[in-house]
Structure formats: C-alpha cells, structure tokens
C-alpha cells in the first residue's frame, strides 16, 4: 500500500470524495494507488493539498506497511 491510500483511508475518504476535493477523476486516484499510473506533479500537489499533506507530495507515492 502507498502512503496516499493510507492517508485517504485514515481521513475516511473514498476515492470519489478525494477526487472531488482534488479535482481528479476517481478512476485516476485508483490507478495511482494501484501503481498503474504516476501522476504529473501538479496533479500530485492537488491531491496532497486535498489531504492536508504538509510534506513533499512525492512521499505520498512511497510504500508503507499495511
């Protein structure tokens, strides 16, 4: 699992809700979380902002223990 998924779940958001907050299609959130897609930096920044992430947005793509 990547940090993005972990934080999204911890905040009680589903992919649709996060997509609405970040103006990213929910299917794209799913593709990012599954590793099938690497987002462009502006997209990743919008996702980070929507999650309230204060660190480097690239850290959202790092693997974390489940």
PDB file of N, CA and C in Angstrom:
ATOM      1  N   UNK A   1       0.861  -1.173   0.000  1.00  0.00           N
ATOM      2  CA  UNK A   1       0.000   0.000   0.000  1.00  0.00           C
ATOM      3  C   UNK A   1       0.903   1.230   0.000  1.00  0.00           C
ATOM      4  N   UNK A   2       0.452   2.265  -0.690  1.00  0.00           N
ATOM      5  CA  UNK A   2       1.216   3.501  -0.686  1.00  0.00           C
ATOM      6  C   UNK A   2       0.634   4.465   0.343  1.00  0.00           C
ATOM      7  N   UNK A   3       1.435   5.440   0.717  1.00  0.00           N
ATOM      8  CA  UNK A   3       1.033   6.405   1.742  1.00  0.00           C
ATOM      9  C   UNK A   3      -0.269   7.119   1.370  1.00  0.00           C
ATOM     10  N   UNK A   4      -0.459   7.411   0.112  1.00  0.00           N
ATOM     11  CA  UNK A   4      -1.682   8.076  -0.340  1.00  0.00           C
ATOM     12  C   UNK A   4      -2.916   7.291   0.096  1.00  0.00           C
ATOM     13  N   UNK A   5      -2.905   6.000  -0.137  1.00  0.00           N
ATOM     14  CA  UNK A   5      -4.038   5.149   0.237  1.00  0.00           C
ATOM     15  C   UNK A   5      -4.247   5.164   1.744  1.00  0.00           C
ATOM     16  N   UNK A   6      -3.158   5.032   2.486  1.00  0.00           N
ATOM     17  CA  UNK A   6      -3.223   5.008   3.943  1.00  0.00           C
ATOM     18  C   UNK A   6      -3.843   6.303   4.484  1.00  0.00           C
ATOM     19  N   UNK A   7      -3.370   7.429   4.006  1.00  0.00           N
ATOM     20  CA  UNK A   7      -3.881   8.722   4.492  1.00  0.00           C
ATOM     21  C   UNK A   7      -5.335   8.919   4.076  1.00  0.00           C
ATOM     22  N   UNK A   8      -5.649   8.562   2.839  1.00  0.00           N
ATOM     23  CA  UNK A   8      -7.040   8.701   2.372  1.00  0.00           C
ATOM     24  C   UNK A   8      -7.981   7.912   3.268  1.00  0.00           C
ATOM     25  N   UNK A   9      -7.599   6.675   3.565  1.00  0.00           N
ATOM     26  CA  UNK A   9      -8.448   5.830   4.420  1.00  0.00           C
ATOM     27  C   UNK A   9      -8.527   6.378   5.845  1.00  0.00           C
ATOM     28  N   UNK A  10      -7.374   6.827   6.385  1.00  0.00           N
ATOM     29  CA  UNK A  10      -7.361   7.384   7.740  1.00  0.00           C
ATOM     30  C   UNK A  10      -8.286   8.589   7.862  1.00  0.00           C
ATOM     31  N   UNK A  11      -8.404   9.348   6.787  1.00  0.00           N
ATOM     32  CA  UNK A  11      -9.272  10.526   6.797  1.00  0.00           C
ATOM     33  C   UNK A  11     -10.733  10.165   6.494  1.00  0.00           C
ATOM     34  N   UNK A  12     -10.998   8.889   6.247  1.00  0.00           N
ATOM     35  CA  UNK A  12     -12.364   8.442   5.993  1.00  0.00           C
ATOM     36  C   UNK A  12     -12.891   8.845   4.630  1.00  0.00           C
ATOM     37  N   UNK A  13     -11.984   9.051   3.682  1.00  0.00           N
ATOM     38  CA  UNK A  13     -12.400   9.455   2.339  1.00  0.00           C
ATOM     39  C   UNK A  13     -12.387   8.266   1.388  1.00  0.00           C
ATOM     40  N   UNK A  14     -13.377   8.206   0.517  1.00  0.00           N
ATOM     41  CA  UNK A  14     -13.297   7.230  -0.559  1.00  0.00           C
ATOM     42  C   UNK A  14     -12.649   7.918  -1.769  1.00  0.00           C
ATOM     43  N   UNK A  15     -12.415   7.171  -2.815  1.00  0.00           N
ATOM     44  CA  UNK A  15     -11.729   7.721  -3.988  1.00  0.00           C
ATOM     45  C   UNK A  15     -12.531   8.838  -4.648  1.00  0.00           C
ATOM     46  N   UNK A  16     -13.839   8.703  -4.647  1.00  0.00           N
ATOM     47  CA  UNK A  16     -14.690   9.735  -5.234  1.00  0.00           C
ATOM     48  C   UNK A  16     -14.592  11.035  -4.454  1.00  0.00           C
ATOM     49  N   UNK A  17     -14.637  10.940  -3.143  1.00  0.00           N
ATOM     50  CA  UNK A  17     -14.552  12.136  -2.312  1.00  0.00           C
ATOM     51  C   UNK A  17     -13.200  12.827  -2.476  1.00  0.00           C
ATOM     52  N   UNK A  18     -12.118  12.045  -2.462  1.00  0.00           N
ATOM     53  CA  UNK A  18     -10.801  12.634  -2.656  1.00  0.00           C
ATOM     54  C   UNK A  18     -10.699  13.260  -4.042  1.00  0.00           C
ATOM     55  N   UNK A  19     -11.229  12.567  -5.032  1.00  0.00           N
ATOM     56  CA  UNK A  19     -11.215  13.105  -6.387  1.00  0.00           C
ATOM     57  C   UNK A  19     -11.929  14.443  -6.477  1.00  0.00           C
ATOM     58  N   UNK A  20     -13.053  14.562  -5.803  1.00  0.00           N
ATOM     59  CA  UNK A  20     -13.791  15.830  -5.810  1.00  0.00           C
ATOM     60  C   UNK A  20     -12.992  16.937  -5.136  1.00  0.00           C
ATOM     61  N   UNK A  21     -12.358  16.624  -4.026  1.00  0.00           N
ATOM     62  CA  UNK A  21     -11.569  17.621  -3.306  1.00  0.00           C
ATOM     63  C   UNK A  21     -10.346  18.073  -4.105  1.00  0.00           C
ATOM     64  N   UNK A  22      -9.750  17.132  -4.853  1.00  0.00           N
ATOM     65  CA  UNK A  22      -8.511  17.421  -5.584  1.00  0.00           C
ATOM     66  C   UNK A  22      -8.753  17.729  -7.062  1.00  0.00           C
ATOM     67  N   UNK A  23      -9.990  17.695  -7.490  1.00  0.00           N
ATOM     68  CA  UNK A  23     -10.362  17.832  -8.909  1.00  0.00           C
ATOM     69  C   UNK A  23      -9.572  16.848  -9.780  1.00  0.00           C
ATOM     70  N   UNK A  24      -9.631  15.581  -9.362  1.00  0.00           N
ATOM     71  CA  UNK A  24      -9.005  14.467 -10.079  1.00  0.00           C
ATOM     72  C   UNK A  24     -10.076  13.395 -10.214  1.00  0.00           C
ATOM     73  N   UNK A  25     -10.170  12.769 -11.373  1.00  0.00           N
ATOM     74  CA  UNK A  25     -11.175  11.729 -11.578  1.00  0.00           C
ATOM     75  C   UNK A  25     -10.912  10.574 -10.606  1.00  0.00           C
ATOM     76  N   UNK A  26     -11.954  10.038  -9.966  1.00  0.00           N
ATOM     77  CA  UNK A  26     -11.772   8.939  -9.019  1.00  0.00           C
ATOM     78  C   UNK A  26     -11.043   7.735  -9.620  1.00  0.00           C
ATOM     79  N   UNK A  27     -11.266   7.460 -10.902  1.00  0.00           N
ATOM     80  CA  UNK A  27     -10.567   6.337 -11.546  1.00  0.00           C
ATOM     81  C   UNK A  27      -9.064   6.599 -11.573  1.00  0.00           C
ATOM     82  N   UNK A  28      -8.693   7.856 -11.732  1.00  0.00           N
ATOM     83  CA  UNK A  28      -7.273   8.206 -11.731  1.00  0.00           C
ATOM     84  C   UNK A  28      -6.676   7.996 -10.337  1.00  0.00           C
ATOM     85  N   UNK A  29      -7.423   8.320  -9.293  1.00  0.00           N
ATOM     86  CA  UNK A  29      -6.964   8.056  -7.928  1.00  0.00           C
ATOM     87  C   UNK A  29      -6.697   6.558  -7.777  1.00  0.00           C
ATOM     88  N   UNK A  30      -7.607   5.735  -8.268  1.00  0.00           N
ATOM     89  CA  UNK A  30      -7.436   4.286  -8.194  1.00  0.00           C
ATOM     90  C   UNK A  30      -6.208   3.811  -8.954  1.00  0.00           C
ATOM     91  N   UNK A  31      -5.971   4.376 -10.110  1.00  0.00           N
ATOM     92  CA  UNK A  31      -4.808   3.985 -10.907  1.00  0.00           C
ATOM     93  C   UNK A  31      -3.507   4.387 -10.214  1.00  0.00           C
ATOM     94  N   UNK A  32      -3.504   5.544  -9.586  1.00  0.00           N
ATOM     95  CA  UNK A  32      -2.323   5.989  -8.845  1.00  0.00           C
ATOM     96  C   UNK A  32      -2.080   5.061  -7.665  1.00  0.00           C
ATOM     97  N   UNK A  33      -3.137   4.759  -6.916  1.00  0.00           N
ATOM     98  CA  UNK A  33      -2.998   3.909  -5.737  1.00  0.00           C
ATOM     99  C   UNK A  33      -2.557   2.493  -6.092  1.00  0.00           C
ATOM    100  N   UNK A  34      -2.952   2.003  -7.249  1.00  0.00           N
ATOM    101  CA  UNK A  34      -2.581   0.644  -7.644  1.00  0.00           C
ATOM    102  C   UNK A  34      -1.215   0.584  -8.321  1.00  0.00           C
ATOM    103  N   UNK A  35      -0.620   1.747  -8.586  1.00  0.00           N
ATOM    104  CA  UNK A  35       0.692   1.780  -9.216  1.00  0.00           C
ATOM    105  C   UNK A  35       0.662   1.694 -10.724  1.00  0.00           C
ATOM    106  N   UNK A  36      -0.520   1.742 -11.317  1.00  0.00           N
ATOM    107  CA  UNK A  36      -0.630   1.681 -12.777  1.00  0.00           C
ATOM    108  C   UNK A  36      -0.383   3.024 -13.438  1.00  0.00           C
ATOM    109  N   UNK A  37      -0.343   4.075 -12.622  1.00  0.00           N
ATOM    110  CA  UNK A  37      -0.173   5.417 -13.175  1.00  0.00           C
ATOM    111  C   UNK A  37       0.641   6.258 -12.196  1.00  0.00           C
ATOM    112  N   UNK A  38       1.565   7.029 -12.728  1.00  0.00           N
ATOM    113  CA  UNK A  38       2.309   8.003 -11.928  1.00  0.00           C
ATOM    114  C   UNK A  38       1.774   9.377 -12.308  1.00  0.00           C
ATOM    115  N   UNK A  39       1.243  10.114 -11.341  1.00  0.00           N
ATOM    116  CA  UNK A  39       0.616  11.399 -11.671  1.00  0.00           C
ATOM    117  C   UNK A  39       1.647  12.476 -12.008  1.00  0.00           C
ATOM    118  N   UNK A  40       1.223  13.428 -12.816  1.00  0.00           N
ATOM    119  CA  UNK A  40       2.045  14.600 -13.076  1.00  0.00           C
ATOM    120  C   UNK A  40       2.175  15.394 -11.774  1.00  0.00           C
ATOM    121  N   UNK A  41       3.285  16.101 -11.578  1.00  0.00           N
ATOM    122  CA  UNK A  41       3.484  16.859 -10.331  1.00  0.00           C
ATOM    123  C   UNK A  41       2.332  17.786  -9.950  1.00  0.00           C
ATOM    124  N   UNK A  42       1.717  18.535 -10.886  1.00  0.00           N
ATOM    125  CA  UNK A  42       0.598  19.396 -10.453  1.00  0.00           C
ATOM    126  C   UNK A  42      -0.590  18.598  -9.901  1.00  0.00           C
ATOM    127  N   UNK A  43      -0.838  17.435 -10.486  1.00  0.00           N
ATOM    128  CA  UNK A  43      -1.928  16.579 -10.003  1.00  0.00           C
ATOM    129  C   UNK A  43      -1.611  16.078  -8.605  1.00  0.00           C
ATOM    130  N   UNK A  44      -0.385  15.632  -8.402  1.00  0.00           N
ATOM    131  CA  UNK A  44       0.023  15.131  -7.093  1.00  0.00           C
ATOM    132  C   UNK A  44      -0.042  16.238  -6.041  1.00  0.00           C
ATOM    133  N   UNK A  45       0.296  17.446  -6.419  1.00  0.00           N
ATOM    134  CA  UNK A  45       0.204  18.576  -5.483  1.00  0.00           C
ATOM    135  C   UNK A  45      -1.243  18.851  -5.085  1.00  0.00           C
ATOM    136  N   UNK A  46      -2.162  18.744  -6.031  1.00  0.00           N
ATOM    137  CA  UNK A  46      -3.587  18.945  -5.704  1.00  0.00           C
ATOM    138  C   UNK A  46      -4.078  17.864  -4.749  1.00  0.00           C
ATOM    139  N   UNK A  47      -3.643  16.630  -4.985  1.00  0.00           N
ATOM    140  CA  UNK A  47      -4.031  15.530  -4.097  1.00  0.00           C
ATOM    141  C   UNK A  47      -3.458  15.765  -2.697  1.00  0.00           C
ATOM    142  N   UNK A  48      -2.192  16.149  -2.628  1.00  0.00           N
ATOM    143  CA  UNK A  48      -1.550  16.418  -1.333  1.00  0.00           C
ATOM    144  C   UNK A  48      -2.291  17.522  -0.585  1.00  0.00           C
ATOM    145  N   UNK A  49      -2.632  18.575  -1.293  1.00  0.00           N
ATOM    146  CA  UNK A  49      -3.350  19.688  -0.668  1.00  0.00           C
ATOM    147  C   UNK A  49      -4.718  19.240  -0.160  1.00  0.00           C
ATOM    148  N   UNK A  50      -5.421  18.444  -0.957  1.00  0.00           N
ATOM    149  CA  UNK A  50      -6.740  17.943  -0.564  1.00  0.00           C
ATOM    150  C   UNK A  50      -6.660  17.076   0.687  1.00  0.00           C
ATOM    151  N   UNK A  51      -5.542  16.371   0.858  1.00  0.00           N
ATOM    152  CA  UNK A  51      -5.352  15.517   2.032  1.00  0.00           C
ATOM    153  C   UNK A  51      -4.777  16.277   3.222  1.00  0.00           C
ATOM    154  N   UNK A  52      -4.367  17.525   2.999  1.00  0.00           N
ATOM    155  CA  UNK A  52      -3.740  18.285   4.072  1.00  0.00           C
ATOM    156  C   UNK A  52      -2.311  17.841   4.326  1.00  0.00           C
ATOM    157  N   UNK A  53      -1.680  17.230   3.328  1.00  0.00           N
ATOM    158  CA  UNK A  53      -0.313  16.716   3.456  1.00  0.00           C
ATOM    159  C   UNK A  53       0.674  17.875   3.422  1.00  0.00           C
ATOM    160  N   UNK A  54       1.513  17.990   4.436  1.00  0.00           N
ATOM    161  CA  UNK A  54       2.465  19.095   4.551  1.00  0.00           C
ATOM    162  C   UNK A  54       3.846  18.745   4.003  1.00  0.00           C
ATOM    163  N   UNK A  55       4.124  17.452   3.819  1.00  0.00           N
ATOM    164  CA  UNK A  55       5.432  17.033   3.330  1.00  0.00           C
ATOM    165  C   UNK A  55       5.536  17.136   1.817  1.00  0.00           C
ATOM    166  N   UNK A  56       6.591  16.567   1.288  1.00  0.00           N
ATOM    167  CA  UNK A  56       6.811  16.514  -0.155  1.00  0.00           C
ATOM    168  C   UNK A  56       5.717  15.636  -0.771  1.00  0.00           C
ATOM    169  N   UNK A  57       4.990  16.139  -1.768  1.00  0.00           N
ATOM    170  CA  UNK A  57       3.933  15.326  -2.379  1.00  0.00           C
ATOM    171  C   UNK A  57       4.428  13.979  -2.901  1.00  0.00           C
ATOM    172  N   UNK A  58       5.674  13.896  -3.329  1.00  0.00           N
ATOM    173  CA  UNK A  58       6.233  12.625  -3.822  1.00  0.00           C
ATOM    174  C   UNK A  58       6.204  11.542  -2.750  1.00  0.00           C
ATOM    175  N   UNK A  59       6.243  11.942  -1.475  1.00  0.00           N
ATOM    176  CA  UNK A  59       6.211  10.978  -0.365  1.00  0.00           C
ATOM    177  C   UNK A  59       4.882  10.211  -0.330  1.00  0.00           C
ATOM    178  N   UNK A  60       3.847  10.771  -0.931  1.00  0.00           N
ATOM    179  CA  UNK A  60       2.549  10.087  -0.970  1.00  0.00           C
ATOM    180  C   UNK A  60       2.614   8.805  -1.803  1.00  0.00           C
ATOM    181  N   UNK A  61       3.607   8.690  -2.664  1.00  0.00           N
ATOM    182  CA  UNK A  61       3.723   7.524  -3.540  1.00  0.00           C
ATOM    183  C   UNK A  61       4.598   6.431  -2.942  1.00  0.00           C
ATOM    184  N   UNK A  62       5.168   6.661  -1.751  1.00  0.00           N
ATOM    185  CA  UNK A  62       6.046   5.681  -1.109  1.00  0.00           C
ATOM    186  C   UNK A  62       5.234   4.548  -0.501  1.00  0.00           C
ATOM    187  N   UNK A  63       5.832   3.355  -0.544  1.00  0.00           N
ATOM    188  CA  UNK A  63       5.215   2.176   0.070  1.00  0.00           C
ATOM    189  C   UNK A  63       5.263   2.308   1.580  1.00  0.00           C
ATOM    190  N   UNK A  64       4.195   1.882   2.248  1.00  0.00           N
ATOM    191  CA  UNK A  64       4.122   1.843   3.699  1.00  0.00           C
ATOM    192  C   UNK A  64       3.631   0.460   4.122  1.00  0.00           C
ATOM    193  N   UNK A  65       3.942   0.071   5.337  1.00  0.00           N
ATOM    194  CA  UNK A  65       3.487  -1.229   5.850  1.00  0.00           C
ATOM    195  C   UNK A  65       1.973  -1.192   6.021  1.00  0.00           C
ATOM    196  N   UNK A  66       1.333  -2.314   5.726  1.00  0.00           N
ATOM    197  CA  UNK A  66      -0.132  -2.379   5.864  1.00  0.00           C
ATOM    198  C   UNK A  66      -0.550  -2.709   7.248  1.00  0.00           C
TER     199      UNK A  66
END
